[in-house]
Amino acid sequence: MSTQAAAPSSPPLVASKPKKQPYPFYLGGVAATIAASITHPLDLTKVRLQASGDKGMVDSIKKTVRTAGVRGLFDGITGTWMRQMSYSLCRFWAYDESKRILGATPQSPAWVLATAGVMAGSIAGVVGNPGEVVMVRLQGDFAKPPEKRFNYKHCFDALFRMVGEEGPSSLLRGVGPNVFRSILMNSSQLASYDFFKAELLKTKYFDDNIACHFTASFAAGTVATTVCSPADVLKSRIMNASGPGSSSTIGVIRSSLATEGPMFMFKGWLPAWSRLQPTTILIFLTLEQLKQLVDWKRGSL
């Protein structure tokens, strides 16, 4: 009696998981705008400390409230919005694109993530420079004597008047230190957030939730503040200046070293940390929540 060989059973078909669509390019800019609006008074204090002779953070805040009231703590907020929706929108988009080009994942070595941050910072520093100049001038105006103030009404008034009164090149004032700072910021803040988040998720103590996002962003904010402080001080002083020769980076360094010594590079570190730390935390917490909202709307949560 012949027996028929059983046909080999084919493996069960497994539905392939659809490839996750990229998030909208503007999410980072929206998250940064929300965060910067909340922490604007601290950012304002940092800029005025770096650009003026105020002695400390508390003294600077008291001076602002005394001369302009509590509303004065939100001077120049339109400049902040312009800056975030140009610089921050561009840097988050460019960072994701740079990671894609490099084939980077959250588990990639720190130097790969930092390289993506350098690429993103180089682009965003140039794109966001006009908004950066506008923001710094609007925030620093009331710290100056009345006869030296720009008296801009809002960010667009500042933009048009700068082009009309100082020429288009004024929009690139301080672009060198600003791009340098942007490179430092993105290679330290964005890359270190991804790095710390990935390392935390490797432990048994963290899941991909708010506690993990908070801890990773706290560490990233401290790293970024320390790394960026020298370039941040130079950027603020150059952008706040006007007149021939005032935009020379070397000239500002020489003048500051002669009058204040090398520690001028870390002037305003505490208000910078106090501002950047909650801003960094708010940016990444908001960004992660916006991503979850997008996933929910797509039905992929």
Protein backbone atom coordinates (compact mmCIF):
# COMPACT_ATOMS: atom_id res chain seq x y z
CA MET A 1 0.00 0.00 0.00
CA SER A 2 1.57 3.24 -1.09
CA THR A 3 1.53 6.12 1.26
CA GLN A 4 1.43 9.66 0.01
CA ALA A 5 4.09 11.91 1.52
CA ALA A 6 2.59 14.69 3.49
CA ALA A 7 3.14 18.06 1.87
CA PRO A 8 5.28 20.34 3.98
CA SER A 9 3.13 22.81 5.82
CA SER A 10 3.74 26.43 4.86
CA PRO A 11 4.57 28.85 7.68
CA PRO A 12 1.63 30.93 8.86
CA LEU A 13 1.40 34.35 7.32
CA VAL A 14 2.19 37.14 9.73
CA ALA A 15 0.85 40.56 8.94
CA SER A 16 3.74 42.96 8.62
CA LYS A 17 3.57 45.98 10.85
CA PRO A 18 3.01 49.09 8.74
CA LYS A 19 5.94 51.47 8.64
CA LYS A 20 5.40 54.38 11.01
CA GLN A 21 4.84 57.64 9.20
CA PRO A 22 7.11 60.57 10.09
CA TYR A 23 5.65 63.15 12.43
CA PRO A 24 4.67 66.61 11.05
CA PHE A 25 7.75 68.77 10.64
CA TYR A 26 6.30 71.62 12.70
CA LEU A 27 5.77 69.71 15.98
CA GLY A 28 9.13 70.76 17.40
CA GLY A 29 8.47 74.43 16.65
CA VAL A 30 5.03 74.30 18.29
CA ALA A 31 6.41 72.53 21.39
CA ALA A 32 9.26 75.05 21.68
CA THR A 33 6.90 78.03 21.28
CA ILE A 34 4.65 76.77 24.09
CA ALA A 35 7.63 76.15 26.38
CA ALA A 36 9.33 79.48 25.62
CA SER A 37 6.12 81.42 26.28
CA ILE A 38 5.92 79.94 29.78
CA THR A 39 9.58 80.59 30.63
CA HIS A 40 9.86 83.96 28.87
CA PRO A 41 10.47 86.03 32.08
CA LEU A 42 13.56 83.93 32.89
CA ASP A 43 14.86 84.21 29.34
CA LEU A 44 14.32 87.98 29.47
CA THR A 45 16.30 88.18 32.71
CA LYS A 46 19.14 86.10 31.27
CA VAL A 47 19.48 88.35 28.20
CA ARG A 48 19.45 91.54 30.30
CA LEU A 49 22.05 90.13 32.69
CA GLN A 50 24.34 89.26 29.79
CA ALA A 51 23.86 92.56 27.96
CA SER A 52 23.79 95.02 30.87
CA GLY A 53 25.47 95.77 34.17
CA ASP A 54 22.81 94.20 36.38
CA LYS A 55 24.45 92.44 39.34
CA GLY A 56 22.26 89.37 39.75
CA MET A 57 19.14 87.52 38.70
CA VAL A 58 16.90 88.77 41.51
CA ASP A 59 18.13 92.38 41.12
CA SER A 60 17.45 92.25 37.39
CA ILE A 61 13.89 90.96 37.92
CA LYS A 62 13.23 93.65 40.56
CA LYS A 63 14.56 96.33 38.23
CA THR A 64 12.26 95.14 35.42
CA VAL A 65 9.17 95.09 37.67
CA ARG A 66 10.07 98.49 39.17
CA THR A 67 10.49 100.20 35.79
CA ALA A 68 7.86 98.43 33.67
CA GLY A 69 5.59 96.52 36.07
CA VAL A 70 4.87 92.79 36.03
CA ARG A 71 3.89 93.11 32.38
CA GLY A 72 7.49 94.10 31.72
CA LEU A 73 8.54 90.50 32.40
CA PHE A 74 6.94 89.65 29.05
CA ASP A 75 8.64 92.40 27.03
CA GLY A 76 9.62 91.14 23.59
CA ILE A 77 7.50 87.99 23.64
CA THR A 78 6.59 88.45 19.96
CA GLY A 79 10.31 88.17 19.22
CA THR A 80 10.38 84.92 21.18
CA TRP A 81 7.52 83.54 19.08
CA MET A 82 9.25 84.57 15.85
CA ARG A 83 12.47 82.95 16.97
CA GLN A 84 10.87 79.66 18.01
CA MET A 85 8.81 79.31 14.84
CA SER A 86 11.91 79.84 12.71
CA TYR A 87 14.92 78.53 14.61
CA SER A 88 13.31 75.78 16.71
CA LEU A 89 11.01 74.57 13.96
CA CYS A 90 14.01 74.27 11.64
CA ARG A 91 16.31 72.59 14.16
CA PHE A 92 13.88 69.82 15.13
CA TRP A 93 13.06 69.12 11.49
CA ALA A 94 16.74 69.20 10.46
CA TYR A 95 17.73 66.94 13.38
CA ASP A 96 15.22 64.27 12.36
CA GLU A 97 16.31 64.54 8.72
CA SER A 98 19.99 64.36 9.71
CA LYS A 99 19.34 61.22 11.76
CA ARG A 100 17.57 59.70 8.77
CA ILE A 101 20.51 60.52 6.48
CA LEU A 102 22.99 59.05 8.97
CA GLY A 103 20.80 56.03 9.65
CA ALA A 104 20.77 56.93 13.35
CA THR A 105 18.38 55.39 15.86
CA PRO A 106 17.87 56.18 19.56
CA GLN A 107 20.24 53.28 20.29
CA SER A 108 23.02 54.74 18.13
CA PRO A 109 26.30 55.82 19.78
CA ALA A 110 26.35 59.31 21.28
CA TRP A 111 28.76 60.61 18.62
CA VAL A 112 26.32 59.69 15.82
CA LEU A 113 23.49 61.55 17.54
CA ALA A 114 25.83 64.49 18.20
CA THR A 115 26.80 64.56 14.51
CA ALA A 116 23.12 64.81 13.58
CA GLY A 117 22.86 67.67 16.08
CA VAL A 118 25.82 69.47 14.49
CA MET A 119 24.21 69.16 11.04
CA ALA A 120 20.89 70.46 12.33
CA GLY A 121 22.50 73.31 14.27
CA SER A 122 24.46 74.51 11.24
CA ILE A 123 21.26 74.93 9.23
CA ALA A 124 18.99 76.24 11.99
CA GLY A 125 21.55 78.79 13.20
CA VAL A 126 21.48 80.57 9.84
CA VAL A 127 17.72 80.23 9.22
CA GLY A 128 16.85 81.45 12.70
CA ASN A 129 19.34 84.31 12.94
CA PRO A 130 16.95 87.15 11.99
CA GLY A 131 14.44 85.98 14.60
CA GLU A 132 17.27 85.65 17.12
CA VAL A 133 18.42 89.26 16.58
CA VAL A 134 14.84 90.53 16.85
CA MET A 135 14.23 88.56 20.05
CA VAL A 136 17.43 89.72 21.76
CA ARG A 137 16.83 93.38 20.85
CA LEU A 138 13.21 93.35 21.99
CA GLN A 139 14.13 91.71 25.29
CA GLY A 140 17.15 93.90 26.00
CA ASP A 141 15.62 97.25 25.04
CA PHE A 142 14.23 98.34 28.41
CA ALA A 143 17.52 97.55 30.14
CA LYS A 144 19.13 100.40 28.17
CA PRO A 145 19.01 104.15 28.85
CA PRO A 146 15.99 105.76 27.09
CA GLU A 147 18.18 107.55 24.53
CA LYS A 148 19.76 104.26 23.40
CA ARG A 149 16.59 102.19 23.06
CA PHE A 150 15.33 100.87 19.71
CA ASN A 151 11.66 101.22 20.79
CA TYR A 152 10.37 98.52 18.47
CA LYS A 153 6.61 97.93 18.70
CA HIS A 154 6.70 94.20 17.91
CA CYS A 155 8.75 91.61 16.04
CA PHE A 156 7.70 92.65 12.53
CA ASP A 157 8.30 96.33 13.27
CA ALA A 158 11.78 95.36 14.44
CA LEU A 159 12.41 93.27 11.32
CA PHE A 160 11.34 95.96 8.84
CA ARG A 161 13.08 98.80 10.70
CA MET A 162 16.33 96.88 10.92
CA VAL A 163 16.33 96.30 7.16
CA GLY A 164 15.35 99.93 6.46
CA GLU A 165 17.69 101.62 8.94
CA GLU A 166 20.69 99.26 9.04
CA GLY A 167 20.38 97.31 5.80
CA PRO A 168 19.65 93.61 5.17
CA SER A 169 23.05 92.64 6.59
CA SER A 170 21.74 93.56 10.06
CA LEU A 171 19.66 90.38 9.97
CA LEU A 172 22.92 88.41 9.97
CA ARG A 173 24.44 90.32 12.89
CA GLY A 174 26.18 87.84 15.15
CA VAL A 175 25.52 84.93 12.78
CA GLY A 176 28.95 83.43 13.52
CA PRO A 177 28.54 82.96 17.27
CA ASN A 178 24.84 82.19 16.77
CA VAL A 179 25.58 79.28 14.41
CA PHE A 180 28.34 78.12 16.78
CA ARG A 181 25.90 78.24 19.70
CA SER A 182 23.24 76.49 17.61
CA ILE A 183 25.68 73.68 16.85
CA LEU A 184 26.55 73.37 20.54
CA MET A 185 22.90 73.49 21.59
CA ASN A 186 21.64 70.86 19.18
CA SER A 187 24.57 68.50 19.64
CA SER A 188 24.19 68.75 23.42
CA GLN A 189 20.45 69.21 24.05
CA LEU A 190 18.77 67.16 21.32
CA ALA A 191 21.43 64.46 21.09
CA SER A 192 21.83 64.09 24.86
CA TYR A 193 18.05 63.81 25.30
CA ASP A 194 17.93 60.92 22.84
CA PHE A 195 21.00 59.37 24.47
CA PHE A 196 19.75 59.67 28.07
CA LYS A 197 16.27 58.48 27.12
CA ALA A 198 17.68 55.37 25.41
CA GLU A 199 19.96 54.65 28.39
CA LEU A 200 17.11 55.05 30.88
CA LEU A 201 14.89 52.69 28.89
CA LYS A 202 17.62 50.03 29.11
CA THR A 203 17.17 49.94 32.88
CA LYS A 204 14.35 48.21 34.74
CA TYR A 205 13.31 51.46 36.42
CA PHE A 206 11.89 53.38 33.44
CA ASP A 207 9.29 52.87 30.75
CA ASP A 208 8.59 55.21 27.83
CA ASN A 209 6.48 57.60 29.88
CA ILE A 210 6.51 61.07 31.43
CA ALA A 211 8.91 60.05 34.23
CA CYS A 212 11.48 58.91 31.66
CA HIS A 213 10.97 62.00 29.48
CA PHE A 214 11.33 64.29 32.51
CA THR A 215 14.55 62.67 33.73
CA ALA A 216 16.17 62.60 30.30
CA SER A 217 15.25 66.23 29.58
CA PHE A 218 16.54 67.36 33.01
CA ALA A 219 19.94 65.84 32.27
CA ALA A 220 19.94 67.26 28.73
CA GLY A 221 19.14 70.77 29.99
CA THR A 222 22.08 70.80 32.42
CA VAL A 223 24.51 69.56 29.76
CA ALA A 224 23.26 72.11 27.22
CA THR A 225 23.47 75.09 29.60
CA THR A 226 27.10 74.43 30.47
CA VAL A 227 28.19 73.72 26.90
CA CYS A 228 26.40 76.75 25.40
CA SER A 229 27.13 79.47 27.97
CA PRO A 230 30.22 81.10 26.31
CA ALA A 231 28.62 81.35 22.86
CA ASP A 232 25.34 82.53 24.41
CA VAL A 233 27.02 85.46 26.17
CA LEU A 234 28.90 86.51 23.02
CA LYS A 235 25.75 86.26 20.89
CA SER A 236 23.74 88.47 23.25
CA ARG A 237 26.43 91.17 23.47
CA ILE A 238 27.03 91.35 19.72
CA MET A 239 23.34 91.37 18.77
CA ASN A 240 22.51 94.05 21.34
CA ALA A 241 25.21 96.35 20.00
CA SER A 242 24.87 98.77 17.10
CA GLY A 243 27.22 100.98 15.15
CA PRO A 244 30.42 100.35 13.14
CA GLY A 245 32.79 97.74 14.53
CA SER A 246 30.32 96.58 17.16
CA SER A 247 29.62 93.27 15.43
CA SER A 248 33.22 92.01 15.63
CA THR A 249 33.36 88.81 17.67
CA ILE A 250 37.07 89.27 18.41
CA GLY A 251 36.47 92.88 19.47
CA VAL A 252 33.72 91.88 21.91
CA ILE A 253 35.91 89.11 23.37
CA ARG A 254 38.88 91.45 23.87
CA SER A 255 36.76 94.17 25.43
CA SER A 256 34.97 91.75 27.77
CA LEU A 257 38.20 90.02 28.81
CA ALA A 258 39.83 93.36 29.58
CA THR A 259 36.98 94.62 31.76
CA GLU A 260 35.58 91.44 33.34
CA GLY A 261 38.13 88.62 32.96
CA PRO A 262 37.57 85.14 31.47
CA MET A 263 34.60 84.30 33.70
CA PHE A 264 32.48 86.73 31.66
CA MET A 265 31.79 83.70 29.42
CA PHE A 266 29.71 82.17 32.20
CA LYS A 267 27.95 85.35 33.27
CA GLY A 268 24.27 84.61 33.63
CA TRP A 269 24.83 80.81 33.97
CA LEU A 270 22.31 80.48 36.82
CA PRO A 271 19.46 82.33 35.07
CA ALA A 272 20.44 80.53 31.84
CA TRP A 273 20.16 77.17 33.64
CA SER A 274 16.98 78.30 35.42
CA ARG A 275 15.48 79.23 32.06
CA LEU A 276 16.87 76.43 29.88
CA GLN A 277 16.15 73.66 32.37
CA PRO A 278 12.37 74.16 32.57
CA THR A 279 12.31 75.09 28.89
CA THR A 280 14.08 71.86 27.93
CA ILE A 281 11.77 69.82 30.14
CA LEU A 282 8.67 71.57 28.80
CA ILE A 283 9.83 71.23 25.17
CA PHE A 284 10.38 67.49 25.34
CA LEU A 285 7.35 66.73 27.52
CA THR A 286 5.17 68.78 25.15
CA LEU A 287 6.79 67.24 22.07
CA GLU A 288 6.26 63.70 23.36
CA GLN A 289 2.60 64.49 24.12
CA LEU A 290 2.11 66.04 20.68
CA LYS A 291 3.58 62.89 19.12
CA GLN A 292 1.16 60.77 21.13
CA LEU A 293 -1.70 63.00 19.95
CA VAL A 294 -0.63 62.47 16.32
CA ASP A 295 -0.38 58.70 16.91
CA TRP A 296 -3.86 58.72 18.44
CA LYS A 297 -5.34 60.64 15.50
CA ARG A 298 -3.68 58.18 13.10
CA GLY A 299 -5.01 55.24 15.11
CA SER A 300 -1.50 53.92 15.75
CA LEU A 301 -1.31 54.60 19.49
